[in-house]
């Protein structure tokens, strides 16, 4: 049985992995750690967990938090995981970090990311970066194995865009400098901490773009797509907040380089993801949307070709708190411990 510790258990990312671990057949929660709500049962903060996880949140220096575990999830803001990583790894535990601290394998690539969110560009543990695996299982499944100790969970926008575009750039279907990512996210993507701009009156019936000067997830998107393409890929990325709770819809476009039809592209996508149980490919007639991935680890892709303008058009749907966060983390844990990647994750979600 895998013993798991969750650091940052009181946030949305923390409670998301707790929801999955509470019913995981091969894992159990050893302790819940946070700097707020210490002493409170998690089910008091999140009543839907009553009877499923009533464990009390402990402080980082509590003896319970010091016990040996097999895996640690740091569901923490940028800059926290890098300070804890060396000590965690020294105990023999594996670490899956939610932030951008370990999504990059070199100090300069991390510095570019950090500069986009106004953080110090110097990494606290640069010696650990070369050994980190980017935790998007569909592309890095082979590196997510028992020998690996450190995983940088991908960003939510990045998951939707990379999965939506990888088959196209891999096969050279689109001009690598023509790619557009038009992305919309629910309010939960901003996290649990209260903020004036996410106060209900400020969000209801309101949509807006943000970080037009450069969103941090572009760093991941361009790197991963460039690796698939074998050449540089540049994207125009626009992030938008819409008044829904959870979910991401990314509308992705690229100028086709050759004469190829929608059916051929769909078949290419289905072949690319034939061994990826959480990616589902649909044609333009599919009546699907964000509701159909809510609460699941699935990524639904509508794949189409606009014959008139000769553009590829892919609509990518994920749940930002699942496939964009806790679901991917659980999928990565499964692979690190030699389990089927679907373990504890094959659920249909809820409708309506």
Protein backbone atom coordinates (compact mmCIF):
# COMPACT_ATOMS: atom_id res chain seq x y z
CA UNK A 1 0.00 0.00 0.00
CA UNK A 2 1.40 3.41 -1.02
CA UNK A 3 1.60 5.82 1.92
CA UNK A 4 0.93 9.40 0.81
CA UNK A 5 1.45 12.78 2.44
CA UNK A 6 -0.34 15.85 1.11
CA UNK A 7 1.28 19.23 1.82
CA UNK A 8 -1.11 22.10 1.19
CA UNK A 9 -4.03 19.83 1.98
CA UNK A 10 -6.49 22.66 2.64
CA UNK A 11 -6.39 24.18 -0.84
CA UNK A 12 -8.24 23.12 -3.96
CA UNK A 13 -5.26 21.16 -5.23
CA UNK A 14 -4.86 19.41 -1.90
CA UNK A 15 -8.48 18.45 -1.48
CA UNK A 16 -8.52 17.26 -5.09
CA UNK A 17 -5.81 14.66 -4.51
CA UNK A 18 -7.42 13.71 -1.18
CA UNK A 19 -10.69 12.98 -3.01
CA UNK A 20 -8.80 10.58 -5.27
CA UNK A 21 -6.60 8.97 -2.62
CA UNK A 22 -9.56 8.38 -0.31
CA UNK A 23 -10.95 5.83 -2.75
CA UNK A 24 -7.69 4.65 -4.34
CA UNK A 25 -7.33 0.86 -4.02
CA UNK A 26 -3.53 0.93 -3.71
CA UNK A 27 -2.88 4.06 -1.64
CA UNK A 28 -3.74 5.48 1.75
CA UNK A 29 -3.35 8.96 3.18
CA UNK A 30 -0.71 9.01 5.92
CA UNK A 31 -1.03 12.68 6.88
CA UNK A 32 -2.37 16.04 5.78
CA UNK A 33 -0.13 19.08 6.22
CA UNK A 34 -0.80 22.79 5.91
CA UNK A 35 0.10 26.11 7.54
CA UNK A 36 -3.54 27.15 7.91
CA UNK A 37 -6.51 25.36 9.50
CA UNK A 38 -4.12 23.31 11.65
CA UNK A 39 -6.05 21.09 14.05
CA UNK A 40 -9.19 21.04 11.93
CA UNK A 41 -10.46 17.81 10.37
CA UNK A 42 -10.38 18.15 6.60
CA UNK A 43 -14.04 17.16 6.50
CA UNK A 44 -14.86 20.24 8.58
CA UNK A 45 -13.42 22.43 5.81
CA UNK A 46 -14.93 20.26 3.08
CA UNK A 47 -18.08 18.57 4.44
CA UNK A 48 -18.48 16.41 1.33
CA UNK A 49 -15.52 14.39 2.63
CA UNK A 50 -17.25 13.46 5.90
CA UNK A 51 -16.78 9.75 6.42
CA UNK A 52 -14.27 9.59 3.58
CA UNK A 53 -11.45 11.67 5.05
CA UNK A 54 -11.87 13.02 8.57
CA UNK A 55 -8.14 13.25 9.16
CA UNK A 56 -6.89 16.30 11.03
CA UNK A 57 -4.58 18.81 9.34
CA UNK A 58 -1.21 19.08 11.08
CA UNK A 59 1.50 21.74 10.98
CA UNK A 60 4.72 21.10 9.02
CA UNK A 61 6.70 20.65 12.26
CA UNK A 62 4.22 18.23 13.85
CA UNK A 63 5.73 14.78 14.59
CA UNK A 64 2.95 13.22 12.50
CA UNK A 65 4.20 15.20 9.50
CA UNK A 66 7.70 13.77 10.01
CA UNK A 67 6.75 10.13 9.55
CA UNK A 68 8.12 8.19 6.60
CA UNK A 69 5.91 7.96 3.53
CA UNK A 70 6.27 6.67 -0.01
CA UNK A 71 5.06 9.73 -1.92
CA UNK A 72 4.56 13.40 -1.12
CA UNK A 73 2.24 15.71 -3.03
CA UNK A 74 3.16 19.37 -2.62
CA UNK A 75 -0.06 21.15 -3.56
CA UNK A 76 1.63 24.45 -2.82
CA UNK A 77 2.36 27.78 -4.54
CA UNK A 78 5.45 28.39 -6.63
CA UNK A 79 8.62 28.56 -4.58
CA UNK A 80 7.55 26.19 -1.80
CA UNK A 81 8.25 22.79 -3.34
CA UNK A 82 11.81 23.70 -4.32
CA UNK A 83 12.59 24.51 -0.66
CA UNK A 84 11.22 21.19 0.59
CA UNK A 85 12.32 18.86 -2.21
CA UNK A 86 15.82 17.91 -1.10
CA UNK A 87 14.71 16.93 2.40
CA UNK A 88 11.73 14.98 1.08
CA UNK A 89 13.81 13.07 -1.43
CA UNK A 90 16.47 12.30 1.19
CA UNK A 91 13.90 10.21 3.08
CA UNK A 92 13.41 7.96 0.06
CA UNK A 93 9.98 9.33 -0.78
CA UNK A 94 8.93 10.35 -4.27
CA UNK A 95 7.76 13.92 -4.80
CA UNK A 96 5.02 15.18 -7.10
CA UNK A 97 5.00 18.98 -7.09
CA UNK A 98 2.00 20.94 -8.36
CA UNK A 99 3.77 24.22 -9.04
CA UNK A 100 6.18 25.29 -11.75
CA UNK A 101 9.20 24.60 -9.54
CA UNK A 102 10.13 21.35 -11.31
CA UNK A 103 8.51 21.61 -14.74
CA UNK A 104 11.85 22.64 -16.24
CA UNK A 105 15.17 20.82 -16.39
CA UNK A 106 17.56 23.77 -16.48
CA UNK A 107 18.02 26.89 -14.40
CA UNK A 108 17.66 29.24 -17.42
CA UNK A 109 14.36 27.65 -18.52
CA UNK A 110 13.03 27.92 -14.98
CA UNK A 111 14.17 31.55 -14.83
CA UNK A 112 12.12 32.40 -17.92
CA UNK A 113 9.04 30.89 -16.30
CA UNK A 114 9.63 32.61 -12.96
CA UNK A 115 10.09 36.00 -14.59
CA UNK A 116 6.60 35.78 -16.09
CA UNK A 117 4.97 35.54 -12.66
CA UNK A 118 7.19 38.04 -10.92
CA UNK A 119 9.21 35.57 -8.84
CA UNK A 120 12.94 35.47 -8.18
CA UNK A 121 14.54 33.79 -11.18
CA UNK A 122 17.11 31.87 -9.14
CA UNK A 123 16.07 28.30 -8.34
CA UNK A 124 16.74 27.20 -4.75
CA UNK A 125 17.59 23.60 -5.76
CA UNK A 126 18.99 23.77 -9.31
CA UNK A 127 20.84 20.49 -8.82
CA UNK A 128 17.50 18.66 -8.77
CA UNK A 129 16.20 20.07 -12.06
CA UNK A 130 17.96 17.64 -14.46
CA UNK A 131 16.33 14.68 -12.72
CA UNK A 132 12.79 16.02 -12.75
CA UNK A 133 10.20 14.54 -15.12
CA UNK A 134 7.52 16.68 -16.72
CA UNK A 135 4.38 14.96 -15.51
CA UNK A 136 2.23 14.80 -18.63
CA UNK A 137 1.88 11.05 -18.84
CA UNK A 138 0.59 10.96 -22.41
CA UNK A 139 3.92 12.27 -23.67
CA UNK A 140 6.35 11.14 -20.95
CA UNK A 141 4.91 7.81 -19.87
CA UNK A 142 8.24 6.07 -20.47
CA UNK A 143 10.06 8.37 -18.05
CA UNK A 144 7.46 8.02 -15.31
CA UNK A 145 8.73 4.80 -13.78
CA UNK A 146 9.92 3.36 -10.48
CA UNK A 147 13.43 4.76 -10.92
CA UNK A 148 12.15 8.33 -10.95
CA UNK A 149 11.78 10.33 -7.76
CA UNK A 150 10.72 13.83 -8.77
CA UNK A 151 7.82 14.95 -10.97
CA UNK A 152 6.78 18.47 -11.95
CA UNK A 153 3.03 18.34 -12.48
CA UNK A 154 2.03 20.29 -15.62
CA UNK A 155 0.07 23.53 -15.67
CA UNK A 156 -3.65 23.26 -16.40
CA UNK A 157 -3.69 25.42 -19.54
CA UNK A 158 -0.57 23.60 -20.72
CA UNK A 159 -2.25 20.20 -20.44
CA UNK A 160 -5.19 21.26 -22.60
CA UNK A 161 -3.03 22.89 -25.27
CA UNK A 162 -0.25 20.31 -25.44
CA UNK A 163 -2.65 17.39 -25.71
CA UNK A 164 -4.69 19.26 -28.30
CA UNK A 165 -1.75 20.13 -30.54
CA UNK A 166 0.90 17.41 -30.12
CA UNK A 167 -0.32 15.07 -32.89
CA UNK A 168 -0.51 17.98 -35.34
CA UNK A 169 3.01 19.29 -34.70
CA UNK A 170 4.46 15.78 -34.45
CA UNK A 171 3.30 15.04 -37.99
CA UNK A 172 4.05 18.49 -39.39
CA UNK A 173 0.42 19.24 -40.18
CA UNK A 174 0.61 22.93 -39.24
CA UNK A 175 2.99 25.83 -39.68
CA UNK A 176 4.86 25.88 -36.33
CA UNK A 177 4.64 29.69 -36.14
CA UNK A 178 0.92 29.90 -36.91
CA UNK A 179 -0.47 28.24 -33.79
CA UNK A 180 -3.11 30.11 -31.76
CA UNK A 181 -4.31 29.00 -28.31
CA UNK A 182 -7.52 30.73 -27.26
CA UNK A 183 -8.16 29.45 -23.74
CA UNK A 184 -10.97 29.93 -21.23
CA UNK A 185 -10.89 28.79 -17.61
CA UNK A 186 -13.23 28.65 -14.66
CA UNK A 187 -12.76 30.74 -11.52
CA UNK A 188 -11.42 27.82 -9.44
CA UNK A 189 -8.18 28.12 -11.41
CA UNK A 190 -7.32 31.11 -9.22
CA UNK A 191 -7.28 28.90 -6.11
CA UNK A 192 -9.00 29.08 -2.75
CA UNK A 193 -7.51 32.29 -1.35
CA UNK A 194 -10.08 35.12 -1.43
CA UNK A 195 -9.42 38.00 -3.80
CA UNK A 196 -11.37 41.13 -4.70
CA UNK A 197 -11.28 40.34 -8.43
CA UNK A 198 -12.73 36.87 -7.79
CA UNK A 199 -15.40 38.06 -5.37
CA UNK A 200 -18.83 36.90 -6.61
CA UNK A 201 -20.11 40.34 -7.73
CA UNK A 202 -16.88 40.91 -9.65
CA UNK A 203 -17.04 37.56 -11.44
CA UNK A 204 -20.73 36.92 -12.08
CA UNK A 205 -21.75 37.77 -15.67
CA UNK A 206 -18.19 38.89 -16.41
CA UNK A 207 -15.43 37.60 -18.72
CA UNK A 208 -11.93 38.99 -19.12
CA UNK A 209 -8.50 38.27 -20.51
CA UNK A 210 -5.37 38.37 -18.36
CA UNK A 211 -1.58 38.18 -18.66
CA UNK A 212 -1.55 39.32 -22.26
CA UNK A 213 2.07 40.34 -21.76
CA UNK A 214 3.01 36.68 -21.39
CA UNK A 215 1.38 33.79 -19.56
CA UNK A 216 3.73 31.45 -17.71
CA UNK A 217 2.22 28.29 -19.22
CA UNK A 218 3.44 29.34 -22.66
CA UNK A 219 6.92 28.21 -21.57
CA UNK A 220 5.69 24.64 -21.12
CA UNK A 221 3.51 24.64 -24.20
CA UNK A 222 6.24 25.81 -26.56
CA UNK A 223 8.86 23.49 -25.10
CA UNK A 224 6.70 20.37 -25.28
CA UNK A 225 5.36 21.14 -28.76
CA UNK A 226 8.87 21.90 -30.00
CA UNK A 227 10.06 18.52 -28.66
CA UNK A 228 7.25 16.81 -30.55
CA UNK A 229 7.88 18.75 -33.74
CA UNK A 230 11.67 18.43 -33.64
CA UNK A 231 11.85 22.16 -34.39
CA UNK A 232 10.86 25.41 -32.74
CA UNK A 233 7.15 26.03 -32.25
CA UNK A 234 5.77 29.43 -31.24
CA UNK A 235 2.21 30.02 -30.08
CA UNK A 236 -0.04 33.04 -29.65
CA UNK A 237 -1.73 32.39 -26.31
CA UNK A 238 -4.70 34.20 -24.78
CA UNK A 239 -5.98 33.29 -21.30
CA UNK A 240 -9.50 34.23 -20.30
CA UNK A 241 -11.58 33.79 -17.13
CA UNK A 242 -15.25 32.97 -17.60
CA UNK A 243 -17.96 32.82 -14.90
CA UNK A 244 -18.02 29.07 -14.30
CA UNK A 245 -16.58 27.14 -11.37
CA UNK A 246 -14.32 24.60 -13.05
CA UNK A 247 -13.21 23.55 -16.50
CA UNK A 248 -10.96 24.69 -19.34
CA UNK A 249 -11.91 25.01 -22.99
CA UNK A 250 -9.01 25.69 -25.32
CA UNK A 251 -9.77 26.54 -28.94
CA UNK A 252 -6.61 25.73 -30.88
CA UNK A 253 -5.78 26.74 -34.45
CA UNK A 254 -2.94 26.29 -36.91
CA UNK A 255 -2.39 26.87 -40.63
CA UNK A 256 -2.27 23.54 -42.45
CA UNK A 257 0.88 22.87 -44.44
CA UNK A 258 -0.68 20.42 -46.87
CA UNK A 259 -3.90 19.16 -48.40
CA UNK A 260 -5.41 16.99 -45.69
CA UNK A 261 -9.03 16.45 -44.73
CA UNK A 262 -10.77 16.27 -41.38
CA UNK A 263 -11.26 12.50 -41.42
CA UNK A 264 -7.58 11.87 -42.05
CA UNK A 265 -6.59 14.22 -39.24
CA UNK A 266 -9.04 12.58 -36.84
CA UNK A 267 -7.60 9.15 -37.63
CA UNK A 268 -4.10 10.50 -37.07
CA UNK A 269 -5.13 11.87 -33.66
CA UNK A 270 -6.80 8.62 -32.65
CA UNK A 271 -3.72 6.66 -33.60
CA UNK A 272 -1.47 9.06 -31.67
CA UNK A 273 -3.55 8.56 -28.51
CA UNK A 274 -4.46 4.90 -28.97
CA UNK A 275 -2.55 3.98 -25.79
CA UNK A 276 -3.73 6.99 -23.79
CA UNK A 277 -6.94 6.01 -22.00
CA UNK A 278 -7.72 9.53 -20.81
CA UNK A 279 -7.70 11.24 -24.21
CA UNK A 280 -10.85 10.91 -26.32
CA UNK A 281 -11.06 12.20 -29.90
CA UNK A 282 -14.33 13.35 -31.48
CA UNK A 283 -15.37 14.82 -34.82
CA UNK A 284 -17.07 18.18 -35.40
CA UNK A 285 -20.54 16.75 -34.84
CA UNK A 286 -19.92 15.75 -31.24
CA UNK A 287 -22.21 17.59 -28.83
CA UNK A 288 -19.70 17.80 -25.99
CA UNK A 289 -18.48 20.56 -23.71
CA UNK A 290 -16.85 21.25 -20.36
CA UNK A 291 -19.61 19.48 -18.43
CA UNK A 292 -18.62 16.16 -19.95
CA UNK A 293 -15.17 16.12 -18.35
CA UNK A 294 -16.16 17.74 -15.05
CA UNK A 295 -14.77 15.77 -12.12
CA UNK A 296 -12.83 13.41 -14.41
CA UNK A 297 -9.27 12.90 -15.63
CA UNK A 298 -10.33 12.90 -19.28
CA UNK A 299 -9.33 15.28 -22.04
CA UNK A 300 -11.94 15.48 -24.79
CA UNK A 301 -10.71 16.71 -28.16
CA UNK A 302 -12.93 17.83 -31.03
CA UNK A 303 -10.75 17.69 -34.14
CA UNK A 304 -11.71 19.46 -37.35
CA UNK A 305 -10.39 21.06 -40.51
CA UNK A 306 -11.78 24.35 -41.81
CA UNK A 307 -11.59 23.54 -45.52
CA UNK A 308 -12.31 27.11 -46.56
CA UNK A 309 -9.38 28.69 -44.71
CA UNK A 310 -7.17 25.54 -44.61
CA UNK A 311 -6.82 25.69 -40.86
CA UNK A 312 -6.71 22.96 -38.26
CA UNK A 313 -9.21 23.53 -35.47
CA UNK A 314 -9.07 21.56 -32.22
CA UNK A 315 -11.31 22.18 -29.20
CA UNK A 316 -9.78 20.75 -26.03
CA UNK A 317 -11.83 20.25 -22.85
CA UNK A 318 -10.39 19.33 -19.44
CA UNK A 319 -11.34 19.81 -15.80
CA UNK A 320 -8.67 22.22 -14.55
CA UNK A 321 -8.76 20.70 -11.04
CA UNK A 322 -8.51 17.10 -12.29
CA UNK A 323 -6.65 16.49 -15.55
CA UNK A 324 -5.16 19.94 -15.03
CA UNK A 325 -4.03 19.17 -11.49
CA UNK A 326 -4.96 16.37 -9.06
CA UNK A 327 -5.94 13.81 -11.70
CA UNK A 328 -2.62 14.12 -13.48
CA UNK A 329 -0.85 13.91 -10.12
CA UNK A 330 -2.62 10.65 -9.31
CA UNK A 331 -1.91 9.32 -12.81
CA UNK A 332 1.76 10.14 -12.29
CA UNK A 333 1.81 8.43 -8.89
CA UNK A 334 0.34 5.29 -10.45
CA UNK A 335 3.09 5.15 -13.06
CA UNK A 336 5.88 5.86 -10.55
CA UNK A 337 4.77 2.86 -8.50
CA UNK A 338 4.21 0.48 -11.40
CA UNK A 339 0.41 0.56 -11.30
CA UNK A 340 -1.89 0.86 -14.31
CA UNK A 341 -2.19 4.59 -14.90
CA UNK A 342 -5.98 4.38 -14.72
CA UNK A 343 -6.00 3.06 -11.14
CA UNK A 344 -8.45 5.05 -9.02
CA UNK A 345 -9.21 7.39 -11.92
CA UNK A 346 -11.71 5.66 -14.19
CA UNK A 347 -14.89 7.47 -13.30
CA UNK A 348 -17.54 9.04 -15.48
CA UNK A 349 -18.09 12.31 -13.64
CA UNK A 350 -21.56 13.73 -13.10
CA UNK A 351 -24.34 14.94 -15.41
CA UNK A 352 -25.92 17.42 -15.55
